[in-house]
Amino acid sequence: MSSARPLNYDPHDYEPFAVTVDLAVFTIRSGTLHALLIRRAEEPYAGDWALPGGFVRARESAHTAARRELAEETGISPDAVRTLHLEQLRTFSEPDRDPRMRVVSVAHTALVPDLPEPRGGSDAAHAQWVPLGPEGPRLPGASAVLPLAFDHDQILAEARDRIGAKIEYSCLATAFCPPEFTLGELQQVYETVWGTPLDRPNFRRKVLATSGFVEPVAGPARLTGGRGKPAAVYRAGPATALQPPLLRPRPEGQPR
């Protein structure tokens, strides 16, 4: 196919616009789901909280820009950023989503264990892991949900739903457990990401019915601090996808 520009094409016929990337990165800390947020150092929304992100350069892909911006704005090392599995969420393109000009954002998301403490850089005055409640991000000790700049509340909410779906079909949840864990510890990961309690016997039955998800560890059972009998210990199995999937509970009447 020829790469020559059609003779009837004039780029001045089209209004210019910019492309950015925004990143919704999640982890679990102290049994709570956290999102990586920054405080903006520049206008618009200087001083407000937002997702890490920035403009895509002329000679880079959106995926490359996402990794670069994550390293620049949070201080997470390029080596750590390179190992992240960033997944494209979707494109956000409402005409008035950015007060500067028409800006289209390609949002990415990830759920990753053991990420380091971030620090601000580039045009981020500060970067921080912020706990997520059912209604959204909330700074420790604050009573109100933290509003985010641009349309980042919507991006964060959609990304949270995506990572919830991710652990329905993949074995990612075991990465947030110790090398040897009880099914109760695995259940806590699911409850943390999904934000809902699960029925213990039902969860156990589904996990053990999924081939290759977990493997029993030989040796004594573990006391868990509860009043019941010691719990059996497991390790992550060889599977990478869950067949059948471990579906999260849905409100009555809502489709799966």
C-alpha atoms as a PDB file:
ATOM      1  CA  MET A   1       0.000   0.000   0.000  1.00  0.00           C
ATOM      2  CA  SER A   2       1.370   3.425  -0.956  1.00  0.00           C
ATOM      3  CA  SER A   3       2.233   5.798   1.882  1.00  0.00           C
ATOM      4  CA  ALA A   4       1.984   8.873  -0.334  1.00  0.00           C
ATOM      5  CA  ARG A   5      -0.416  11.567   0.902  1.00  0.00           C
ATOM      6  CA  PRO A   6      -3.603  11.815  -1.201  1.00  0.00           C
ATOM      7  CA  LEU A   7      -3.500  14.916  -3.394  1.00  0.00           C
ATOM      8  CA  ASN A   8      -6.871  16.127  -2.097  1.00  0.00           C
ATOM      9  CA  TYR A   9      -5.805  15.988   1.553  1.00  0.00           C
ATOM     10  CA  ASP A  10      -5.051  19.216   3.401  1.00  0.00           C
ATOM     11  CA  PRO A  11      -4.209  18.817   7.132  1.00  0.00           C
ATOM     12  CA  HIS A  12      -5.349  22.402   7.729  1.00  0.00           C
ATOM     13  CA  ASP A  13      -8.910  21.280   7.010  1.00  0.00           C
ATOM     14  CA  TYR A  14      -8.963  19.498  10.367  1.00  0.00           C
ATOM     15  CA  GLU A  15      -8.819  21.020  13.808  1.00  0.00           C
ATOM     16  CA  PRO A  16      -5.679  19.833  15.647  1.00  0.00           C
ATOM     17  CA  PHE A  17      -5.986  17.923  18.904  1.00  0.00           C
ATOM     18  CA  ALA A  18      -3.639  16.249  21.366  1.00  0.00           C
ATOM     19  CA  VAL A  19      -3.379  12.655  22.574  1.00  0.00           C
ATOM     20  CA  THR A  20      -2.575  11.818  26.190  1.00  0.00           C
ATOM     21  CA  VAL A  21      -2.291   8.711  28.340  1.00  0.00           C
ATOM     22  CA  ASP A  22      -3.778   8.281  31.832  1.00  0.00           C
ATOM     23  CA  LEU A  23      -2.881   5.432  34.152  1.00  0.00           C
ATOM     24  CA  ALA A  24      -5.037   3.771  36.806  1.00  0.00           C
ATOM     25  CA  VAL A  25      -2.577   1.588  38.732  1.00  0.00           C
ATOM     26  CA  PHE A  26      -3.799  -0.454  41.707  1.00  0.00           C
ATOM     27  CA  THR A  27      -2.173  -2.498  44.437  1.00  0.00           C
ATOM     28  CA  ILE A  28      -3.126  -4.014  47.796  1.00  0.00           C
ATOM     29  CA  ARG A  29      -1.551  -2.584  50.935  1.00  0.00           C
ATOM     30  CA  SER A  30      -2.386  -3.684  54.483  1.00  0.00           C
ATOM     31  CA  GLY A  31      -5.464  -5.506  53.210  1.00  0.00           C
ATOM     32  CA  THR A  32      -6.870  -2.455  51.397  1.00  0.00           C
ATOM     33  CA  LEU A  33      -7.075  -1.684  47.684  1.00  0.00           C
ATOM     34  CA  HIS A  34      -5.032   1.428  46.805  1.00  0.00           C
ATOM     35  CA  ALA A  35      -4.740   3.544  43.654  1.00  0.00           C
ATOM     36  CA  LEU A  36      -1.681   5.505  42.596  1.00  0.00           C
ATOM     37  CA  LEU A  37      -2.538   9.221  42.480  1.00  0.00           C
ATOM     38  CA  ILE A  38      -0.547  12.414  41.965  1.00  0.00           C
ATOM     39  CA  ARG A  39      -1.038  16.056  42.920  1.00  0.00           C
ATOM     40  CA  ARG A  40      -0.710  18.209  39.848  1.00  0.00           C
ATOM     41  CA  ALA A  41       2.051  20.802  39.897  1.00  0.00           C
ATOM     42  CA  GLU A  42       0.816  22.749  36.853  1.00  0.00           C
ATOM     43  CA  GLU A  43      -2.396  24.229  35.502  1.00  0.00           C
ATOM     44  CA  PRO A  44      -5.023  23.224  34.763  1.00  0.00           C
ATOM     45  CA  TYR A  45      -6.058  21.846  38.147  1.00  0.00           C
ATOM     46  CA  ALA A  46      -2.764  22.754  39.851  1.00  0.00           C
ATOM     47  CA  GLY A  47      -2.804  21.278  43.360  1.00  0.00           C
ATOM     48  CA  ASP A  48      -5.629  18.856  42.591  1.00  0.00           C
ATOM     49  CA  TRP A  49      -5.342  15.082  42.671  1.00  0.00           C
ATOM     50  CA  ALA A  50      -5.293  13.145  39.413  1.00  0.00           C
ATOM     51  CA  LEU A  51      -4.155   9.944  37.774  1.00  0.00           C
ATOM     52  CA  PRO A  52      -0.554   9.842  36.500  1.00  0.00           C
ATOM     53  CA  GLY A  53      -0.310  10.608  32.799  1.00  0.00           C
ATOM     54  CA  GLY A  54       0.657  13.101  30.144  1.00  0.00           C
ATOM     55  CA  PHE A  55       0.973  13.860  26.461  1.00  0.00           C
ATOM     56  CA  VAL A  56       2.031  11.309  23.851  1.00  0.00           C
ATOM     57  CA  ARG A  57       5.104  12.513  21.978  1.00  0.00           C
ATOM     58  CA  ALA A  58       5.196  12.704  18.187  1.00  0.00           C
ATOM     59  CA  ARG A  59       7.394   9.639  17.715  1.00  0.00           C
ATOM     60  CA  GLU A  60       6.098   7.258  20.407  1.00  0.00           C
ATOM     61  CA  SER A  61       3.173   4.915  20.833  1.00  0.00           C
ATOM     62  CA  ALA A  62       0.549   5.373  23.527  1.00  0.00           C
ATOM     63  CA  HIS A  63       1.863   2.271  25.322  1.00  0.00           C
ATOM     64  CA  THR A  64       5.420   3.651  25.359  1.00  0.00           C
ATOM     65  CA  ALA A  65       4.137   7.019  26.568  1.00  0.00           C
ATOM     66  CA  ALA A  66       2.208   5.325  29.382  1.00  0.00           C
ATOM     67  CA  ARG A  67       5.339   3.656  30.743  1.00  0.00           C
ATOM     68  CA  ARG A  68       7.417   6.821  30.358  1.00  0.00           C
ATOM     69  CA  GLU A  69       4.859   9.014  32.111  1.00  0.00           C
ATOM     70  CA  LEU A  70       4.438   6.538  34.958  1.00  0.00           C
ATOM     71  CA  ALA A  71       8.193   6.618  35.622  1.00  0.00           C
ATOM     72  CA  GLU A  72       8.489  10.407  35.228  1.00  0.00           C
ATOM     73  CA  GLU A  73       5.518  11.393  37.379  1.00  0.00           C
ATOM     74  CA  THR A  74       5.855   8.906  40.212  1.00  0.00           C
ATOM     75  CA  GLY A  75       9.581   8.261  40.555  1.00  0.00           C
ATOM     76  CA  ILE A  76       9.033   4.507  40.155  1.00  0.00           C
ATOM     77  CA  SER A  77      12.194   3.181  38.518  1.00  0.00           C
ATOM     78  CA  PRO A  78      12.145   2.516  34.753  1.00  0.00           C
ATOM     79  CA  ASP A  79      13.093  -1.112  35.493  1.00  0.00           C
ATOM     80  CA  ALA A  80      10.044  -1.534  37.745  1.00  0.00           C
ATOM     81  CA  VAL A  81       7.805   0.180  35.199  1.00  0.00           C
ATOM     82  CA  ARG A  82       9.118  -2.056  32.404  1.00  0.00           C
ATOM     83  CA  THR A  83       7.947  -5.184  34.218  1.00  0.00           C
ATOM     84  CA  LEU A  84       4.378  -3.934  34.747  1.00  0.00           C
ATOM     85  CA  HIS A  85       1.596  -5.524  32.735  1.00  0.00           C
ATOM     86  CA  LEU A  86      -0.214  -2.368  31.595  1.00  0.00           C
ATOM     87  CA  GLU A  87      -3.516  -3.081  29.910  1.00  0.00           C
ATOM     88  CA  GLN A  88      -5.254  -0.589  27.663  1.00  0.00           C
ATOM     89  CA  LEU A  89      -8.619   0.306  29.201  1.00  0.00           C
ATOM     90  CA  ARG A  90     -10.307   2.427  26.520  1.00  0.00           C
ATOM     91  CA  THR A  91     -10.170   5.825  24.851  1.00  0.00           C
ATOM     92  CA  PHE A  92     -11.815   8.826  26.522  1.00  0.00           C
ATOM     93  CA  SER A  93     -12.676  11.475  23.952  1.00  0.00           C
ATOM     94  CA  GLU A  94     -15.444  13.776  25.175  1.00  0.00           C
ATOM     95  CA  PRO A  95     -14.826  17.192  23.504  1.00  0.00           C
ATOM     96  CA  ASP A  96     -14.671  19.232  26.735  1.00  0.00           C
ATOM     97  CA  ARG A  97     -12.807  16.815  28.999  1.00  0.00           C
ATOM     98  CA  ASP A  98      -9.729  19.095  29.093  1.00  0.00           C
ATOM     99  CA  PRO A  99     -10.006  22.905  29.386  1.00  0.00           C
ATOM    100  CA  ARG A 100      -6.816  23.512  27.383  1.00  0.00           C
ATOM    101  CA  MET A 101      -7.877  22.103  24.014  1.00  0.00           C
ATOM    102  CA  ARG A 102      -9.402  19.013  22.457  1.00  0.00           C
ATOM    103  CA  VAL A 103      -7.545  16.154  24.164  1.00  0.00           C
ATOM    104  CA  VAL A 104      -8.134  12.449  23.607  1.00  0.00           C
ATOM    105  CA  SER A 105      -6.828  10.138  26.330  1.00  0.00           C
ATOM    106  CA  VAL A 106      -5.846   6.494  25.949  1.00  0.00           C
ATOM    107  CA  ALA A 107      -6.313   5.098  29.465  1.00  0.00           C
ATOM    108  CA  HIS A 108      -4.314   2.157  30.801  1.00  0.00           C
ATOM    109  CA  THR A 109      -4.718   0.099  33.959  1.00  0.00           C
ATOM    110  CA  ALA A 110      -2.800  -2.451  36.020  1.00  0.00           C
ATOM    111  CA  LEU A 111      -3.156  -4.395  39.263  1.00  0.00           C
ATOM    112  CA  VAL A 112       0.343  -5.112  40.568  1.00  0.00           C
ATOM    113  CA  PRO A 113       1.765  -6.453  43.862  1.00  0.00           C
ATOM    114  CA  ASP A 114       4.800  -5.114  45.717  1.00  0.00           C
ATOM    115  CA  LEU A 115       5.153  -1.747  44.005  1.00  0.00           C
ATOM    116  CA  PRO A 116       7.507   0.710  45.759  1.00  0.00           C
ATOM    117  CA  GLU A 117       6.546   3.950  47.472  1.00  0.00           C
ATOM    118  CA  PRO A 118       6.223   6.575  44.719  1.00  0.00           C
ATOM    119  CA  ARG A 119       7.607  10.094  44.718  1.00  0.00           C
ATOM    120  CA  GLY A 120       6.562  13.060  42.601  1.00  0.00           C
ATOM    121  CA  GLY A 121       8.432  14.049  39.481  1.00  0.00           C
ATOM    122  CA  SER A 122       7.988  15.802  36.136  1.00  0.00           C
ATOM    123  CA  ASP A 123       4.762  17.855  36.479  1.00  0.00           C
ATOM    124  CA  ALA A 124       3.568  15.936  39.576  1.00  0.00           C
ATOM    125  CA  ALA A 125       4.176  17.759  42.854  1.00  0.00           C
ATOM    126  CA  HIS A 126       3.498  14.604  44.870  1.00  0.00           C
ATOM    127  CA  ALA A 127       2.636  10.943  44.273  1.00  0.00           C
ATOM    128  CA  GLN A 128       0.941   8.645  46.758  1.00  0.00           C
ATOM    129  CA  TRP A 129      -0.879   5.344  47.157  1.00  0.00           C
ATOM    130  CA  VAL A 130      -4.409   6.353  48.211  1.00  0.00           C
ATOM    131  CA  PRO A 131      -6.886   3.873  49.781  1.00  0.00           C
ATOM    132  CA  LEU A 132     -10.051   3.141  47.805  1.00  0.00           C
ATOM    133  CA  GLY A 133     -13.389   2.850  49.573  1.00  0.00           C
ATOM    134  CA  PRO A 134     -16.623   1.738  47.909  1.00  0.00           C
ATOM    135  CA  GLU A 135     -17.307   5.318  46.716  1.00  0.00           C
ATOM    136  CA  GLY A 136     -13.782   6.144  45.564  1.00  0.00           C
ATOM    137  CA  PRO A 137     -10.356   7.317  46.814  1.00  0.00           C
ATOM    138  CA  ARG A 138     -10.164   8.699  50.323  1.00  0.00           C
ATOM    139  CA  LEU A 139      -7.075  10.116  52.021  1.00  0.00           C
ATOM    140  CA  PRO A 140      -6.276   8.547  55.425  1.00  0.00           C
ATOM    141  CA  GLY A 141      -8.290  10.333  58.137  1.00  0.00           C
ATOM    142  CA  ALA A 142     -10.494  12.175  55.621  1.00  0.00           C
ATOM    143  CA  SER A 143     -14.274  11.865  55.710  1.00  0.00           C
ATOM    144  CA  ALA A 144     -14.956  12.878  52.104  1.00  0.00           C
ATOM    145  CA  VAL A 145     -14.155  11.083  48.861  1.00  0.00           C
ATOM    146  CA  LEU A 146     -11.255  12.706  47.025  1.00  0.00           C
ATOM    147  CA  PRO A 147     -12.389  14.435  43.791  1.00  0.00           C
ATOM    148  CA  LEU A 148     -10.050  13.999  40.823  1.00  0.00           C
ATOM    149  CA  ALA A 149      -9.157  16.398  38.002  1.00  0.00           C
ATOM    150  CA  PHE A 150     -10.468  16.104  34.438  1.00  0.00           C
ATOM    151  CA  ASP A 151     -12.629  12.974  34.010  1.00  0.00           C
ATOM    152  CA  HIS A 152     -10.285  10.869  36.121  1.00  0.00           C
ATOM    153  CA  ASP A 153     -13.062   9.812  38.526  1.00  0.00           C
ATOM    154  CA  GLN A 154     -14.739   8.041  35.618  1.00  0.00           C
ATOM    155  CA  ILE A 155     -11.475   6.515  34.372  1.00  0.00           C
ATOM    156  CA  LEU A 156     -10.636   5.242  37.855  1.00  0.00           C
ATOM    157  CA  ALA A 157     -14.100   3.724  38.320  1.00  0.00           C
ATOM    158  CA  GLU A 158     -13.980   1.931  34.964  1.00  0.00           C
ATOM    159  CA  ALA A 159     -10.442   0.721  35.627  1.00  0.00           C
ATOM    160  CA  ARG A 160     -11.486  -0.623  39.017  1.00  0.00           C
ATOM    161  CA  ASP A 161     -14.253  -2.612  37.359  1.00  0.00           C
ATOM    162  CA  ARG A 162     -11.732  -3.931  34.799  1.00  0.00           C
ATOM    163  CA  ILE A 163      -9.306  -5.242  37.413  1.00  0.00           C
ATOM    164  CA  GLY A 164     -12.242  -6.833  39.223  1.00  0.00           C
ATOM    165  CA  ALA A 165     -13.004  -8.712  36.019  1.00  0.00           C
ATOM    166  CA  LYS A 166      -9.318  -9.524  35.561  1.00  0.00           C
ATOM    167  CA  ILE A 167      -9.181 -11.704  38.661  1.00  0.00           C
ATOM    168  CA  GLU A 168     -12.367 -13.487  37.610  1.00  0.00           C
ATOM    169  CA  TYR A 169     -10.585 -15.060  34.639  1.00  0.00           C
ATOM    170  CA  SER A 170      -6.871 -15.027  35.592  1.00  0.00           C
ATOM    171  CA  CYS A 171      -4.765 -16.347  38.476  1.00  0.00           C
ATOM    172  CA  LEU A 172      -3.489 -12.852  39.322  1.00  0.00           C
ATOM    173  CA  ALA A 173      -4.932 -12.927  42.859  1.00  0.00           C
ATOM    174  CA  THR A 174      -2.334 -15.468  44.011  1.00  0.00           C
ATOM    175  CA  ALA A 175       0.410 -12.888  43.345  1.00  0.00           C
ATOM    176  CA  PHE A 176      -0.909 -10.905  46.324  1.00  0.00           C
ATOM    177  CA  CYS A 177      -0.567 -13.885  48.684  1.00  0.00           C
ATOM    178  CA  PRO A 178       2.573 -15.226  50.384  1.00  0.00           C
ATOM    179  CA  PRO A 179       4.333 -18.092  48.550  1.00  0.00           C
ATOM    180  CA  GLU A 180       2.347 -20.467  50.776  1.00  0.00           C
ATOM    181  CA  PHE A 181      -1.138 -19.323  51.757  1.00  0.00           C
ATOM    182  CA  THR A 182      -4.482 -20.464  53.095  1.00  0.00           C
ATOM    183  CA  LEU A 183      -7.688 -20.225  51.111  1.00  0.00           C
ATOM    184  CA  GLY A 184      -8.814 -17.632  53.643  1.00  0.00           C
ATOM    185  CA  GLU A 185      -5.874 -15.408  52.641  1.00  0.00           C
ATOM    186  CA  LEU A 186      -6.731 -15.878  48.960  1.00  0.00           C
ATOM    187  CA  GLN A 187     -10.366 -15.050  49.683  1.00  0.00           C
ATOM    188  CA  GLN A 188      -9.287 -11.825  51.375  1.00  0.00           C
ATOM    189  CA  VAL A 189      -7.600 -10.712  48.126  1.00  0.00           C
ATOM    190  CA  TYR A 190     -10.818 -11.249  46.191  1.00  0.00           C
ATOM    191  CA  GLU A 191     -12.892  -9.476  48.821  1.00  0.00           C
ATOM    192  CA  THR A 192     -10.467  -6.533  48.807  1.00  0.00           C
ATOM    193  CA  VAL A 193     -10.505  -6.073  45.030  1.00  0.00           C
ATOM    194  CA  TRP A 194     -14.225  -6.724  44.619  1.00  0.00           C
ATOM    195  CA  GLY A 195     -15.202  -4.764  47.730  1.00  0.00           C
ATOM    196  CA  THR A 196     -17.681  -7.373  48.912  1.00  0.00           C
ATOM    197  CA  PRO A 197     -17.691 -10.285  51.400  1.00  0.00           C
ATOM    198  CA  LEU A 198     -17.787 -13.817  49.988  1.00  0.00           C
ATOM    199  CA  ASP A 199     -19.334 -17.002  51.301  1.00  0.00           C
ATOM    200  CA  ARG A 200     -16.405 -19.044  52.626  1.00  0.00           C
ATOM    201  CA  PRO A 201     -17.589 -22.598  51.787  1.00  0.00           C
ATOM    202  CA  ASN A 202     -18.723 -21.525  48.318  1.00  0.00           C
ATOM    203  CA  PHE A 203     -15.417 -19.753  47.629  1.00  0.00           C
ATOM    204  CA  ARG A 204     -13.421 -22.786  48.777  1.00  0.00           C
ATOM    205  CA  ARG A 205     -15.482 -25.123  46.594  1.00  0.00           C
ATOM    206  CA  LYS A 206     -15.008 -22.969  43.488  1.00  0.00           C
ATOM    207  CA  VAL A 207     -11.254 -22.530  44.004  1.00  0.00           C
ATOM    208  CA  LEU A 208     -10.611 -26.234  44.503  1.00  0.00           C
ATOM    209  CA  ALA A 209     -12.791 -27.100  41.490  1.00  0.00           C
ATOM    210  CA  THR A 210     -10.662 -24.923  39.186  1.00  0.00           C
ATOM    211  CA  SER A 211      -7.886 -27.044  37.708  1.00  0.00           C
ATOM    212  CA  GLY A 212      -4.348 -25.731  38.292  1.00  0.00           C
ATOM    213  CA  PHE A 213      -5.401 -22.661  40.293  1.00  0.00           C
ATOM    214  CA  VAL A 214      -3.850 -23.755  43.600  1.00  0.00           C
ATOM    215  CA  GLU A 215      -1.872 -26.784  44.781  1.00  0.00           C
ATOM    216  CA  PRO A 216      -1.825 -28.230  48.313  1.00  0.00           C
ATOM    217  CA  VAL A 217       1.426 -27.939  50.260  1.00  0.00           C
ATOM    218  CA  ALA A 218       2.561 -30.998  52.186  1.00  0.00           C
ATOM    219  CA  GLY A 219       3.045 -30.448  55.880  1.00  0.00           C
ATOM    220  CA  PRO A 220       1.080 -29.289  58.895  1.00  0.00           C
ATOM    221  CA  ALA A 221      -1.959 -27.062  58.596  1.00  0.00           C
ATOM    222  CA  ARG A 222      -1.634 -23.431  59.668  1.00  0.00           C
ATOM    223  CA  LEU A 223      -3.271 -21.808  62.661  1.00  0.00           C
ATOM    224  CA  THR A 224      -4.983 -18.673  61.386  1.00  0.00           C
ATOM    225  CA  GLY A 225      -5.793 -16.956  64.678  1.00  0.00           C
ATOM    226  CA  GLY A 226      -9.474 -17.805  64.472  1.00  0.00           C
ATOM    227  CA  ARG A 227     -11.461 -20.196  66.625  1.00  0.00           C
ATOM    228  CA  GLY A 228     -11.711 -22.931  64.012  1.00  0.00           C
ATOM    229  CA  LYS A 229      -9.371 -25.770  63.195  1.00  0.00           C
ATOM    230  CA  PRO A 230      -6.007 -25.112  61.478  1.00  0.00           C
ATOM    231  CA  ALA A 231      -6.279 -24.294  57.769  1.00  0.00           C
ATOM    232  CA  ALA A 232      -4.689 -26.239  54.929  1.00  0.00           C
ATOM    233  CA  VAL A 233      -1.874 -24.498  53.093  1.00  0.00           C
ATOM    234  CA  TYR A 234      -1.605 -24.025  49.323  1.00  0.00           C
ATOM    235  CA  ARG A 235       0.682 -22.526  46.697  1.00  0.00           C
ATOM    236  CA  ALA A 236      -0.095 -21.045  43.277  1.00  0.00           C
ATOM    237  CA  GLY A 237      -0.682 -23.713  40.664  1.00  0.00           C
ATOM    238  CA  PRO A 238       0.520 -23.813  37.037  1.00  0.00           C
ATOM    239  CA  ALA A 239      -2.649 -22.368  35.487  1.00  0.00           C
ATOM    240  CA  THR A 240      -2.681 -18.818  34.116  1.00  0.00           C
ATOM    241  CA  ALA A 241      -6.403 -18.678  33.252  1.00  0.00           C
ATOM    242  CA  LEU A 242      -9.337 -19.849  35.354  1.00  0.00           C
ATOM    243  CA  GLN A 243     -11.609 -22.437  33.735  1.00  0.00           C
ATOM    244  CA  PRO A 244     -14.334 -22.084  34.845  1.00  0.00           C
ATOM    245  CA  PRO A 245     -13.953 -18.420  35.866  1.00  0.00           C
ATOM    246  CA  LEU A 246     -14.417 -17.374  39.476  1.00  0.00           C
ATOM    247  CA  LEU A 247     -17.234 -14.870  38.992  1.00  0.00           C
ATOM    248  CA  ARG A 248     -17.833 -12.113  41.525  1.00  0.00           C
ATOM    249  CA  PRO A 249     -21.270 -11.764  43.092  1.00  0.00           C
ATOM    250  CA  ARG A 250     -23.615  -9.452  41.188  1.00  0.00           C
ATOM    251  CA  PRO A 251     -26.600  -7.551  42.550  1.00  0.00           C
ATOM    252  CA  GLU A 252     -29.839  -9.397  41.847  1.00  0.00           C
ATOM    253  CA  GLY A 253     -31.038  -8.701  38.344  1.00  0.00           C
ATOM    254  CA  GLN A 254     -27.662  -7.442  37.070  1.00  0.00           C
ATOM    255  CA  PRO A 255     -26.257  -9.534  34.182  1.00  0.00           C
ATOM    256  CA  ARG A 256     -22.906 -11.289  34.522  1.00  0.00           C
END
